Protein backbone atom coordinates (compact mmCIF):
# COMPACT_ATOMS: atom_id res chain seq x y z
CA MET A 1 -10.95 -10.83 12.50
CA ARG A 2 -7.98 -12.88 11.57
CA ALA A 3 -4.42 -11.74 11.16
CA VAL A 4 -1.18 -13.37 10.18
CA VAL A 5 1.61 -11.37 11.79
CA GLN A 6 5.15 -11.84 10.52
CA ARG A 7 8.26 -10.28 12.02
CA VAL A 8 10.20 -8.96 9.05
CA ARG A 9 13.49 -7.35 8.16
CA PHE A 10 11.66 -5.64 5.31
CA ALA A 11 8.36 -5.92 3.48
CA ARG A 12 6.71 -4.17 0.57
CA VAL A 13 3.53 -4.40 -1.43
CA GLU A 14 3.19 -3.55 -5.11
CA VAL A 15 0.14 -2.86 -7.26
CA ALA A 16 0.57 -2.86 -11.04
CA GLY A 17 4.35 -2.78 -10.65
CA GLU A 18 4.34 0.26 -8.33
CA VAL A 19 5.36 0.07 -4.66
CA VAL A 20 2.40 1.36 -2.64
CA GLY A 21 3.68 0.47 0.83
CA ALA A 22 7.03 -0.53 2.27
CA ILE A 23 8.74 -0.88 5.64
CA GLY A 24 12.10 -1.90 7.02
CA THR A 25 12.24 -3.82 10.29
CA GLY A 26 8.81 -4.43 11.74
CA LEU A 27 5.63 -6.41 11.20
CA LEU A 28 3.83 -7.51 8.08
CA VAL A 29 0.17 -8.00 9.00
CA LEU A 30 -2.20 -9.81 6.64
CA LEU A 31 -5.73 -8.98 7.82
CA SER A 32 -9.15 -10.45 7.10
CA VAL A 33 -12.47 -9.18 8.44
CA ALA A 34 -15.31 -11.63 9.18
CA LYS A 35 -18.90 -10.75 8.37
CA ASP A 36 -19.85 -10.88 12.07
CA ASP A 37 -16.92 -8.83 13.41
CA VAL A 38 -17.70 -5.95 15.76
CA ALA A 39 -15.65 -3.22 17.45
CA ASN A 40 -14.46 -5.65 20.15
CA ASP A 41 -12.86 -7.86 17.50
CA ARG A 42 -10.96 -4.88 16.14
CA ALA A 43 -9.90 -3.71 19.61
CA TYR A 44 -8.63 -7.19 20.48
CA LEU A 45 -6.53 -7.50 17.33
CA VAL A 46 -5.12 -3.96 17.54
CA ASP A 47 -4.14 -4.52 21.17
CA LYS A 48 -2.50 -7.87 20.41
CA ILE A 49 -0.66 -6.66 17.31
CA GLY A 50 0.58 -3.51 19.00
CA GLY A 51 1.73 -5.36 22.08
CA LEU A 52 3.21 -8.55 20.61
CA ARG A 53 6.61 -8.97 22.25
CA ILE A 54 8.37 -10.75 19.41
CA PHE A 55 11.47 -8.58 18.93
CA ALA A 56 14.75 -9.36 20.66
CA ASP A 57 15.95 -7.34 23.65
CA GLU A 58 19.61 -6.84 24.63
CA GLN A 59 19.78 -10.44 25.90
CA GLY A 60 18.36 -11.85 22.67
CA LYS A 61 14.98 -12.76 24.21
CA MET A 62 11.74 -11.96 22.43
CA ASN A 63 10.72 -9.24 24.86
CA LEU A 64 10.08 -6.05 22.83
CA ASP A 65 7.04 -4.94 20.87
CA VAL A 66 7.26 -3.23 17.47
CA ARG A 67 7.37 0.28 18.96
CA GLN A 68 10.10 -0.61 21.45
CA ALA A 69 12.09 -2.18 18.62
CA GLY A 70 11.78 0.99 16.52
CA GLY A 71 9.91 -0.87 13.81
CA ALA A 72 6.98 -0.13 11.52
CA LEU A 73 4.00 -2.11 10.27
CA LEU A 74 2.78 -2.99 6.79
CA LEU A 75 -0.96 -3.76 6.79
CA VAL A 76 -2.34 -5.76 3.85
CA SER A 77 -5.98 -6.79 3.56
CA GLN A 78 -6.37 -10.47 2.69
CA PHE A 79 -9.92 -11.83 2.79
CA THR A 80 -8.64 -15.29 1.85
CA LEU A 81 -7.69 -15.82 5.50
CA HIS A 82 -11.38 -16.58 5.94
CA GLY A 83 -11.31 -19.21 3.19
CA ASP A 84 -13.05 -22.43 4.22
CA VAL A 85 -11.75 -25.63 2.61
CA ARG A 86 -13.41 -28.17 4.89
CA ARG A 87 -15.59 -29.33 1.98
CA GLY A 88 -13.78 -29.90 -1.27
CA ARG A 89 -10.71 -28.16 -2.56
CA ARG A 90 -12.05 -24.83 -3.69
CA PRO A 91 -12.24 -22.37 -0.79
CA GLY A 92 -15.51 -20.76 0.16
CA PHE A 93 -15.47 -17.20 1.51
CA THR A 94 -18.93 -16.89 3.03
CA ASP A 95 -17.45 -16.00 6.44
CA ALA A 96 -15.56 -12.98 5.05
CA MET A 97 -17.19 -9.56 5.29
CA ALA A 98 -18.31 -8.03 1.99
CA PRO A 99 -15.85 -5.47 0.59
CA ASP A 100 -18.09 -2.44 1.28
CA GLY A 101 -18.00 -3.26 4.99
CA ALA A 102 -14.51 -4.72 5.20
CA ALA A 103 -12.66 -1.79 3.60
CA PRO A 104 -13.66 0.70 6.31
CA GLU A 105 -12.79 -1.87 9.00
CA VAL A 106 -9.29 -2.29 7.60
CA GLU A 107 -8.92 1.51 7.64
CA ARG A 108 -10.09 1.58 11.27
CA VAL A 109 -7.48 -1.02 12.20
CA ALA A 110 -4.79 1.09 10.51
CA ALA A 111 -5.98 4.23 12.31
CA ASP A 112 -6.10 2.45 15.67
CA LEU A 113 -2.56 1.12 15.20
CA ARG A 114 -1.35 4.61 14.28
CA ALA A 115 -3.03 5.93 17.43
CA LEU A 116 -0.74 3.57 19.37
CA GLY A 117 2.22 5.39 17.86
CA ILE A 118 3.07 2.77 15.25
CA GLN A 119 4.10 3.86 11.76
CA VAL A 120 1.70 2.05 9.40
CA ALA A 121 2.08 1.54 5.65
CA GLN A 122 -0.71 -0.16 3.71
CA GLY A 123 -1.60 -2.10 0.63
CA VAL A 124 -4.60 -1.17 -1.53
CA PHE A 125 -7.86 -2.79 -0.50
CA GLY A 126 -9.27 -5.07 -3.19
CA ALA A 127 -6.29 -4.69 -5.51
CA ASP A 128 -4.23 -7.50 -7.01
CA MET A 129 -1.14 -7.08 -4.81
CA GLN A 130 2.29 -8.62 -4.81
CA VAL A 131 3.84 -8.81 -1.36
CA SER A 132 7.58 -9.25 -0.83
CA LEU A 133 9.17 -9.82 2.53
CA CYS A 134 12.09 -11.17 4.46
CA ASN A 135 10.59 -13.04 7.41
CA ASP A 136 12.94 -12.55 10.36
CA GLY A 137 13.41 -15.68 12.45
CA PRO A 138 11.12 -16.84 10.96
CA VAL A 139 8.49 -15.56 13.39
CA THR A 140 4.86 -15.88 12.33
CA ILE A 141 1.86 -15.53 14.65
CA LEU A 142 -1.77 -16.31 13.84
CA LEU A 143 -4.40 -14.19 15.61
CA ASP A 144 -8.13 -14.84 15.54
CA SER A 145 -10.51 -12.62 17.53
CA LYS A 146 -13.06 -15.43 17.69
CA LYS A 147 -10.64 -17.71 19.56
CA LEU A 148 -10.24 -15.70 22.74
CA PHE A 149 -10.62 -18.70 25.05
């Protein structure tokens, strides 16, 4: 699994002109599931996302996670994070999991994050989405469960 995690002041996702998910302060997480991902990949990403200490404490140091900061999370599926452009200019997506397998995995990630006590809003899997955000910092972290060491 791959995730781009952005600390935001606000974020929202629209489908066909309608807001389907929105948060104030928190994390925007763009998530892609690889075809060979297993439960350990999901557990790794959920643990990292839930515990990322990228919010400022009283001294202004990045020392708080999203829960401690009183924030929420907007989860948006984005298979293009597995786009491979090493050959040519048109990305190939053979490493991304097929939609029938990826959609339930994205839902499991959302459920696991909620189980940590994080308020989670979501986009719509497979939809043409427009994402708006105000990146705070900016702070952007790339996570990849296949790059543990």
